Amino acid sequence: MKKIATILACVAFAGMAQAQQTLPDPARDYGSNTAGYMFADVLAARDNPAFNRAIAATPPMGWNSWNAFRCDVDETKIRAMADSMVSSGLAKAGYRYLVIDDCWQSSRNKDGVLVPDAKRFPSGMKALSDYVHGKGLKFGLYSAAGYKTCQGRPGSRGYEWTDARTFADWGVDYLKYDWCYMPAWQEPFDAYARMRDALVATGRPIYFSASAGLRPDVLEWAPQAAHSWRFNKDIRPCWDCTGDRAANGIMSVLDRASQLQVALRVRPGSWSDADMLEVGNHGLSMAEQRAHFALWVLLASPLMIGTDLRTLDPEALDLLRNPALVSAHQDPLGMAGFRYRDFGDTEIWRRWLKDGADGKRRDMFVLLNRGNQAREIELEVDPDTVVSDMMASMVAVPVIGQSVKLTVQPHSATVLHVAGMRFKN
């Protein structure tokens, strides 16, 4: 049976590859607002039918400890972050998951059960989980598929079922699963599927996030193994990084998303992950943060805040709570955006949204200026469309003839909602 399943999976992948050769442009692949996802057949070939994808009907929103604290994390900070998520209005806006990244583990006990760092988490994970749940939030933890985590703490390899049961007993709702300290021969799908199936066996609905970085084959297996899947290196707070961090900047992540055509793999229950947000962190101007946030919304990437919420700038907080952008991110159609036009330093990115109650087509457009000088960007639309600025409380934008022409400042973006636009390729 395993051999037959492997053959069927290969046939499905071959069919997908042929479809991509004849239909390489998402603008043609997704020519209507119907849910006909090309990747669905491939997904089913290696999926676990019991894997609960309904808990990922829309991409998750929340907070993760890594970008803010790295390994300097403890229960006092986590409780403070939970408090801040509620008091700041972020929880009300939709940010529900609070995830502790690497460095919470210290060892395993005689039964093989993970033991939290007693100095940093003296109350234990169950008590911390209860505190987070008491705030109306969901609780998440980190582990890795290898013998060790990326920071050298105990990994889950060989302990998948024990760890899954432990996570469920602690009330974990989200598991970020990294790829470190793995043998070179290990097939990644098998490693991630083991933990996926172990989580399923607990009976607890746990969102499963695969973090496999720059593996070239990630899109061939990760959508079947997890609810969301990283496709890039760890993000850094820079617009266009240089040197040894050249692949970590906002623009590099965006280019990789386009190169891999991740939009073709996204559907409700299976999301591409562009990594955590850098909104609120030093290194990006406010204009760059706005563009970064809008592009992650357009990609339908999980929105995991990665900054210390106690010191979050009011302008950054307003950006994270922007109702028009949050609504677009959570759009039930569940499609990811793609690079629609490329003019060099300027680009137009497009995401189809669910039709409005009036039956009119709705689109999100990001007019992006990657360069160092202000540029005029023209978006062709139909004369009867209604165009609104999603960054400015949906203020109407005038349509002149059959286009919208706007000046976009350097390293920034203008984000538009367009209603009533007929299909244009």
Protein backbone atom coordinates (compact mmCIF):
# COMPACT_ATOMS: atom_id res chain seq x y z
CA MET A 1 0.00 0.00 0.00
CA LYS A 2 2.86 2.35 0.81
CA LYS A 3 4.36 1.72 -2.63
CA ILE A 4 1.00 2.43 -4.31
CA ALA A 5 0.60 5.64 -2.32
CA THR A 6 4.07 6.73 -3.37
CA ILE A 7 3.27 6.09 -7.03
CA LEU A 8 0.00 8.03 -6.77
CA ALA A 9 1.83 10.94 -5.14
CA CYS A 10 4.41 10.97 -7.94
CA VAL A 11 1.65 10.98 -10.56
CA ALA A 12 -0.06 13.86 -8.78
CA PHE A 13 3.15 15.87 -8.63
CA ALA A 14 3.83 15.19 -12.30
CA GLY A 15 0.36 16.44 -13.16
CA MET A 16 0.93 19.56 -11.10
CA ALA A 17 4.24 20.21 -12.84
CA GLN A 18 2.58 19.91 -16.26
CA ALA A 19 -0.20 22.25 -15.15
CA GLN A 20 2.35 24.81 -14.02
CA GLN A 21 4.12 24.65 -17.38
CA THR A 22 0.92 25.40 -19.28
CA LEU A 23 -0.57 27.73 -16.65
CA PRO A 24 2.41 29.45 -15.01
CA ASP A 25 0.60 32.66 -14.18
CA PRO A 26 -1.65 32.78 -11.07
CA ALA A 27 -3.70 35.42 -12.88
CA ARG A 28 -4.85 32.69 -15.25
CA ASP A 29 -4.82 29.79 -12.78
CA TYR A 30 -7.21 31.69 -10.52
CA GLY A 31 -9.39 33.40 -13.08
CA SER A 32 -12.57 33.28 -11.05
CA ASN A 33 -13.72 33.53 -7.44
CA THR A 34 -14.38 29.80 -7.21
CA ALA A 35 -12.53 27.49 -4.86
CA GLY A 36 -10.77 25.26 -7.38
CA TYR A 37 -7.33 24.81 -5.91
CA MET A 38 -4.91 23.08 -8.24
CA PHE A 39 -2.87 21.78 -5.33
CA ALA A 40 -5.79 20.10 -3.54
CA ASP A 41 -5.37 16.74 -5.29
CA VAL A 42 -1.67 16.68 -4.46
CA LEU A 43 -2.41 17.64 -0.86
CA ALA A 44 -4.84 14.75 -0.49
CA ALA A 45 -2.30 12.23 -1.80
CA ARG A 46 -0.14 12.43 1.35
CA ASP A 47 -2.49 14.03 3.85
CA ASN A 48 -3.86 12.51 7.05
CA PRO A 49 -7.67 12.66 6.77
CA ALA A 50 -7.89 13.07 10.54
CA PHE A 51 -5.63 16.14 10.51
CA ASN A 52 -7.92 18.99 11.53
CA ARG A 53 -7.52 21.69 8.88
CA ALA A 54 -10.70 23.46 10.01
CA ILE A 55 -8.73 25.15 12.83
CA ALA A 56 -6.68 26.85 10.09
CA ALA A 57 -9.58 28.03 7.92
CA THR A 58 -7.85 31.43 7.90
CA PRO A 59 -4.16 32.14 8.60
CA PRO A 60 -3.32 32.52 12.29
CA MET A 61 -2.62 35.80 14.05
CA GLY A 62 -0.68 36.13 17.27
CA TRP A 63 2.67 36.80 18.92
CA ASN A 64 5.94 34.84 19.02
CA SER A 65 8.79 35.37 21.48
CA TRP A 66 11.82 34.87 19.21
CA ASN A 67 12.28 38.22 17.45
CA ALA A 68 11.69 40.09 20.69
CA PHE A 69 13.61 38.04 23.25
CA ARG A 70 15.58 35.25 21.53
CA CYS A 71 16.61 32.89 24.40
CA ASP A 72 16.07 35.51 27.10
CA VAL A 73 12.50 34.37 27.68
CA ASP A 74 10.74 33.56 30.96
CA GLU A 75 7.26 33.24 32.41
CA THR A 76 7.20 36.81 33.71
CA LYS A 77 7.70 38.16 30.21
CA ILE A 78 5.16 35.75 28.74
CA ARG A 79 2.52 36.76 31.27
CA ALA A 80 3.26 40.41 30.50
CA MET A 81 2.86 39.73 26.77
CA ALA A 82 -0.49 38.04 27.41
CA ASP A 83 -1.61 41.04 29.46
CA SER A 84 -0.46 43.43 26.73
CA MET A 85 -2.20 41.50 23.95
CA VAL A 86 -5.48 42.07 25.75
CA SER A 87 -4.95 45.63 27.04
CA SER A 88 -3.65 46.91 23.69
CA GLY A 89 -6.69 45.67 21.78
CA LEU A 90 -4.61 43.23 19.72
CA ALA A 91 -6.56 40.23 21.01
CA LYS A 92 -9.83 41.94 20.10
CA ALA A 93 -8.42 42.65 16.63
CA GLY A 94 -7.81 38.92 16.10
CA TYR A 95 -4.33 38.19 17.49
CA ARG A 96 -5.06 35.11 19.60
CA TYR A 97 -1.98 32.84 19.63
CA LEU A 98 0.84 33.47 22.11
CA VAL A 99 3.80 31.26 21.20
CA ILE A 100 6.99 30.63 23.18
CA ASP A 101 9.83 29.90 20.77
CA ASP A 102 13.11 28.06 21.50
CA CYS A 103 14.91 27.89 24.87
CA TRP A 104 12.02 27.05 27.21
CA GLN A 105 13.20 23.39 27.51
CA SER A 106 16.02 22.17 29.75
CA SER A 107 16.01 18.35 29.72
CA ARG A 108 13.90 15.19 29.82
CA ASN A 109 12.93 13.27 32.95
CA LYS A 110 13.36 9.53 33.48
CA ASP A 111 10.17 8.88 31.49
CA GLY A 112 11.38 10.91 28.52
CA VAL A 113 9.01 13.82 29.19
CA LEU A 114 10.27 17.33 28.39
CA VAL A 115 11.16 19.42 31.44
CA PRO A 116 10.88 23.23 31.22
CA ASP A 117 13.76 25.41 32.43
CA ALA A 118 12.98 25.62 36.17
CA LYS A 119 14.71 28.99 36.62
CA ARG A 120 12.85 30.67 33.80
CA PHE A 121 9.53 28.85 34.14
CA PRO A 122 9.27 27.89 37.81
CA SER A 123 5.48 27.54 37.69
CA GLY A 124 5.62 25.05 34.83
CA MET A 125 3.99 25.10 31.42
CA LYS A 126 0.54 23.96 32.50
CA ALA A 127 0.17 26.90 34.88
CA LEU A 128 1.44 29.30 32.23
CA SER A 129 -0.92 27.82 29.66
CA ASP A 130 -3.82 28.24 32.10
CA TYR A 131 -2.87 31.90 32.59
CA VAL A 132 -2.79 32.53 28.83
CA HIS A 133 -6.11 30.73 28.34
CA GLY A 134 -7.57 32.77 31.18
CA LYS A 135 -6.92 35.86 29.07
CA GLY A 136 -8.98 34.41 26.24
CA LEU A 137 -5.84 33.61 24.22
CA LYS A 138 -4.36 30.42 22.79
CA PHE A 139 -1.03 28.98 23.96
CA GLY A 140 1.81 27.82 21.74
CA LEU A 141 5.22 26.18 22.12
CA TYR A 142 8.25 25.38 19.99
CA SER A 143 10.10 22.15 19.29
CA ALA A 144 12.27 20.74 16.53
CA ALA A 145 12.23 17.58 14.43
CA GLY A 146 15.88 16.78 15.21
CA TYR A 147 17.75 15.44 18.22
CA LYS A 148 18.16 19.02 19.43
CA THR A 149 16.43 22.32 18.82
CA CYS A 150 18.28 25.02 16.89
CA GLN A 151 19.58 26.41 20.21
CA GLY A 152 20.74 23.00 21.45
CA ARG A 153 17.81 22.13 23.73
CA PRO A 154 16.18 18.66 23.62
CA GLY A 155 14.48 18.02 20.28
CA SER A 156 11.54 15.76 19.55
CA ARG A 157 13.22 13.16 17.30
CA GLY A 158 12.31 9.75 18.69
CA TYR A 159 9.94 11.33 21.22
CA GLU A 160 7.19 12.56 18.87
CA TRP A 161 4.33 10.69 20.55
CA THR A 162 5.55 11.47 24.07
CA ASP A 163 5.96 15.16 23.27
CA ALA A 164 2.62 15.42 21.49
CA ARG A 165 0.88 13.91 24.52
CA THR A 166 2.78 16.26 26.83
CA PHE A 167 1.83 19.29 24.74
CA ALA A 168 -1.81 18.25 24.77
CA ASP A 169 -1.73 17.71 28.55
CA TRP A 170 -0.31 21.20 28.99
CA GLY A 171 -3.10 22.71 26.90
CA VAL A 172 -0.94 23.67 23.92
CA ASP A 173 -2.91 25.05 20.94
CA TYR A 174 -0.03 25.78 18.52
CA LEU A 175 3.24 23.99 17.81
CA LYS A 176 6.06 25.59 15.84
CA TYR A 177 8.29 22.74 14.62
CA ASP A 178 11.80 23.58 13.44
CA TRP A 179 14.36 21.70 11.30
CA CYS A 180 17.68 21.38 13.15
CA TYR A 181 20.09 18.57 14.10
CA MET A 182 18.62 16.20 11.53
CA PRO A 183 20.55 13.37 9.82
CA ALA A 184 21.37 14.22 6.21
CA TRP A 185 19.43 11.25 4.90
CA GLN A 186 16.17 12.15 6.64
CA GLU A 187 13.24 12.73 4.27
CA PRO A 188 11.51 15.85 5.66
CA PHE A 189 7.95 14.79 4.97
CA ASP A 190 8.35 11.68 7.12
CA ALA A 191 9.80 13.70 10.00
CA TYR A 192 7.02 16.28 9.95
CA ALA A 193 4.28 13.73 9.28
CA ARG A 194 5.34 11.78 12.39
CA MET A 195 4.68 14.79 14.58
CA ARG A 196 1.55 15.71 12.65
CA ASP A 197 0.11 12.23 13.22
CA ALA A 198 1.20 12.25 16.87
CA LEU A 199 -0.67 15.51 17.41
CA VAL A 200 -3.74 14.07 15.70
CA ALA A 201 -3.62 11.05 18.01
CA THR A 202 -3.92 13.25 21.11
CA GLY A 203 -7.40 14.33 20.07
CA ARG A 204 -6.59 17.96 20.86
CA PRO A 205 -6.84 20.50 17.99
CA ILE A 206 -3.28 21.86 17.75
CA TYR A 207 -2.20 24.19 14.95
CA PHE A 208 0.98 22.75 13.39
CA SER A 209 3.53 25.15 11.90
CA ALA A 210 6.44 23.69 9.89
CA SER A 211 9.58 25.81 9.94
CA ALA A 212 11.96 24.26 7.40
CA GLY A 213 13.67 27.41 6.11
CA LEU A 214 15.39 27.35 2.73
CA ARG A 215 14.93 23.68 1.86
CA PRO A 216 14.48 23.71 -1.94
CA ASP A 217 11.81 21.00 -1.81
CA VAL A 218 9.64 22.58 0.90
CA LEU A 219 6.62 23.12 -1.35
CA GLU A 220 6.65 19.48 -2.43
CA TRP A 221 5.89 18.10 1.03
CA ALA A 222 5.18 20.77 3.65
CA PRO A 223 1.61 21.68 2.60
CA GLN A 224 0.61 18.06 3.24
CA ALA A 225 2.38 17.85 6.58
CA ALA A 226 1.34 21.05 8.36
CA HIS A 227 -1.14 23.90 8.56
CA SER A 228 1.53 26.43 7.52
CA TRP A 229 5.06 26.15 6.18
CA ARG A 230 8.06 28.44 6.06
CA PHE A 231 9.75 28.91 2.69
CA ASN A 232 12.59 31.30 3.55
CA LYS A 233 15.42 32.03 5.96
CA ASP A 234 14.80 33.70 9.30
CA ILE A 235 13.61 37.24 8.73
CA ARG A 236 15.59 40.30 9.85
CA PRO A 237 14.39 43.91 10.33
CA CYS A 238 15.91 45.30 7.14
CA TRP A 239 14.33 46.34 3.84
CA ASP A 240 16.98 44.87 1.58
CA CYS A 241 19.70 43.20 3.65
CA THR A 242 23.29 42.94 2.43
CA GLY A 243 26.26 40.71 3.19
CA ASP A 244 25.63 37.43 5.01
CA ARG A 245 22.03 38.47 5.67
CA ALA A 246 21.18 39.15 2.04
CA ALA A 247 18.46 36.48 2.05
CA ASN A 248 16.82 37.71 5.26
CA GLY A 249 15.34 41.09 4.32
CA ILE A 250 11.75 41.97 3.54
CA MET A 251 12.36 42.26 -0.21
CA SER A 252 14.28 38.96 -0.34
CA VAL A 253 11.39 37.12 1.31
CA LEU A 254 9.02 38.71 -1.17
CA ASP A 255 11.18 37.69 -4.14
CA ARG A 256 11.36 34.11 -2.90
CA ALA A 257 7.58 33.98 -2.55
CA SER A 258 7.26 35.03 -6.19
CA GLN A 259 10.03 32.73 -7.37
CA LEU A 260 8.45 29.67 -5.73
CA GLN A 261 4.93 30.74 -6.75
CA VAL A 262 3.70 30.01 -3.23
CA ALA A 263 0.29 31.43 -4.14
CA LEU A 264 -0.39 28.27 -6.11
CA ARG A 265 -0.01 26.15 -2.96
CA VAL A 266 -2.12 28.22 -0.57
CA ARG A 267 -5.67 27.29 0.36
CA PRO A 268 -7.75 27.32 3.56
CA GLY A 269 -6.02 24.99 6.01
CA SER A 270 -2.63 25.27 4.26
CA TRP A 271 -0.76 28.59 4.40
CA SER A 272 2.67 29.77 3.25
CA ASP A 273 4.61 31.35 6.11
CA ALA A 274 6.82 34.35 5.31
CA ASP A 275 8.09 34.33 8.93
CA MET A 276 7.31 36.56 11.89
CA LEU A 277 6.54 40.24 11.62
CA GLU A 278 9.23 42.85 12.26
CA VAL A 279 6.69 45.62 12.90
CA GLY A 280 7.78 47.54 16.00
CA ASN A 281 11.45 46.53 15.79
CA HIS A 282 14.42 48.80 15.10
CA GLY A 283 15.82 48.61 11.59
CA LEU A 284 12.74 49.47 9.53
CA SER A 285 11.27 52.93 9.00
CA MET A 286 7.55 53.35 9.61
CA ALA A 287 6.93 53.43 5.86
CA GLU A 288 8.86 50.17 5.47
CA GLN A 289 6.88 48.61 8.32
CA ARG A 290 3.61 49.55 6.63
CA ALA A 291 4.72 47.98 3.36
CA HIS A 292 6.02 44.89 5.17
CA PHE A 293 2.73 44.39 7.02
CA ALA A 294 0.58 44.95 3.92
CA LEU A 295 2.64 42.46 1.90
CA TRP A 296 2.37 39.78 4.60
CA VAL A 297 -1.41 40.36 4.57
CA LEU A 298 -1.44 40.02 0.79
CA LEU A 299 0.57 36.77 0.95
CA ALA A 300 -1.96 35.35 3.46
CA SER A 301 1.01 34.60 5.71
CA PRO A 302 0.49 34.00 9.42
CA LEU A 303 0.72 37.34 11.23
CA MET A 304 2.88 36.59 14.26
CA ILE A 305 4.03 39.78 15.98
CA GLY A 306 7.68 39.64 17.01
CA THR A 307 8.32 42.63 19.25
CA ASP A 308 8.05 43.55 22.94
CA LEU A 309 4.43 44.66 23.22
CA ARG A 310 5.15 46.72 26.35
CA THR A 311 7.18 49.21 24.31
CA LEU A 312 5.25 49.07 21.03
CA ASP A 313 5.00 52.45 19.30
CA PRO A 314 1.37 53.71 19.01
CA GLU A 315 1.76 54.10 15.25
CA ALA A 316 2.94 50.50 14.90
CA LEU A 317 0.07 49.34 17.12
CA ASP A 318 -2.44 51.14 14.92
CA LEU A 319 -0.92 49.44 11.89
CA LEU A 320 -1.25 45.97 13.42
CA ARG A 321 -4.90 46.67 14.28
CA ASN A 322 -5.79 48.22 10.91
CA PRO A 323 -9.32 46.84 10.39
CA ALA A 324 -9.26 46.88 6.58
CA LEU A 325 -5.97 44.98 6.42
CA VAL A 326 -6.91 42.50 9.15
CA SER A 327 -10.18 41.82 7.34
CA ALA A 328 -8.34 41.19 4.07
CA HIS A 329 -5.90 38.89 5.84
CA GLN A 330 -8.76 36.84 7.24
CA ASP A 331 -10.69 36.80 3.96
CA PRO A 332 -12.61 33.49 3.78
CA LEU A 333 -11.80 32.87 0.12
CA GLY A 334 -8.34 31.93 1.35
CA MET A 335 -6.25 32.89 -1.65
CA ALA A 336 -2.74 34.34 -1.50
CA GLY A 337 -1.54 37.31 -3.51
CA PHE A 338 1.08 37.31 -6.24
CA ARG A 339 3.27 39.71 -8.22
CA TYR A 340 0.83 41.08 -10.80
CA ARG A 341 3.04 43.64 -12.55
CA ASP A 342 6.81 44.18 -12.43
CA PHE A 343 8.28 47.50 -13.58
CA GLY A 344 11.71 47.13 -11.97
CA ASP A 345 11.90 49.30 -8.85
CA THR A 346 8.10 49.43 -8.76
CA GLU A 347 5.71 46.50 -8.65
CA ILE A 348 2.01 45.78 -8.27
CA TRP A 349 0.92 42.82 -6.15
CA ARG A 350 -2.63 41.49 -6.22
CA ARG A 351 -4.82 39.33 -4.00
CA TRP A 352 -8.32 38.24 -4.87
CA LEU A 353 -10.85 38.53 -2.05
CA LYS A 354 -14.28 37.03 -1.62
CA ASP A 355 -16.97 38.75 -3.69
CA GLY A 356 -18.88 41.44 -1.85
CA ALA A 357 -22.48 41.07 -0.69
CA ASP A 358 -23.48 42.97 -3.83
CA GLY A 359 -21.85 40.28 -5.97
CA LYS A 360 -19.02 42.57 -7.10
CA ARG A 361 -15.49 41.31 -7.34
CA ARG A 362 -13.11 42.58 -4.65
CA ASP A 363 -9.34 42.84 -4.95
CA MET A 364 -6.46 43.98 -2.79
CA PHE A 365 -3.58 45.68 -4.60
CA VAL A 366 -0.22 46.70 -3.15
CA LEU A 367 1.59 49.36 -5.18
CA LEU A 368 5.17 48.82 -4.07
CA ASN A 369 8.16 51.12 -4.51
CA ARG A 370 11.31 49.13 -3.74
CA GLY A 371 13.65 51.88 -4.92
CA ASN A 372 15.25 54.94 -3.42
CA GLN A 373 13.27 57.61 -5.29
CA ALA A 374 9.57 58.49 -5.36
CA ARG A 375 7.80 56.90 -8.32
CA GLU A 376 4.42 57.19 -9.98
CA ILE A 377 2.64 53.84 -10.25
CA GLU A 378 -0.37 53.36 -12.49
CA LEU A 379 -2.99 50.69 -11.87
CA GLU A 380 -5.39 49.99 -14.72
CA VAL A 381 -8.99 49.53 -13.57
CA ASP A 382 -12.47 49.63 -15.04
CA PRO A 383 -14.27 53.01 -15.13
CA ASP A 384 -17.04 51.92 -12.74
CA THR A 385 -14.82 50.45 -10.05
CA VAL A 386 -14.67 51.84 -6.52
CA VAL A 387 -11.12 52.28 -5.24
CA SER A 388 -10.28 52.88 -1.55
CA ASP A 389 -7.07 53.41 0.41
CA MET A 390 -6.77 50.56 2.92
CA MET A 391 -4.14 52.42 4.94
CA ALA A 392 -6.31 55.51 5.32
CA SER A 393 -9.64 54.31 6.70
CA MET A 394 -10.85 53.28 3.22
CA VAL A 395 -10.85 56.85 1.89
CA ALA A 396 -11.97 56.94 -1.75
CA VAL A 397 -9.24 57.17 -4.39
CA PRO A 398 -10.24 58.91 -7.65
CA VAL A 399 -10.31 56.89 -10.87
CA ILE A 400 -9.29 58.96 -13.88
CA GLY A 401 -10.45 57.33 -17.09
CA GLN A 402 -9.45 53.71 -16.68
CA SER A 403 -6.61 53.98 -14.21
CA VAL A 404 -5.41 55.12 -10.83
CA LYS A 405 -2.11 57.01 -10.81
CA LEU A 406 -0.41 57.51 -7.46
CA THR A 407 3.01 58.69 -6.35
CA VAL A 408 4.56 56.16 -3.99
CA GLN A 409 7.44 57.22 -1.79
CA PRO A 410 10.73 55.24 -1.60
CA HIS A 411 10.67 51.98 0.37
CA SER A 412 6.93 52.17 0.84
CA ALA A 413 3.63 50.97 -0.53
CA THR A 414 0.13 52.20 -1.22
CA VAL A 415 -2.54 49.61 -0.46
CA LEU A 416 -5.80 49.70 -2.40
CA HIS A 417 -9.13 47.93 -2.18
CA VAL A 418 -10.83 47.73 -5.57
CA ALA A 419 -14.48 46.73 -5.88
CA GLY A 420 -16.20 45.87 -9.15
CA MET A 421 -13.14 45.25 -11.27
CA ARG A 422 -13.68 42.79 -14.10
CA PHE A 423 -11.01 40.17 -14.70
CA LYS A 424 -7.87 41.60 -16.26
CA ASN A 425 -4.73 39.60 -17.02
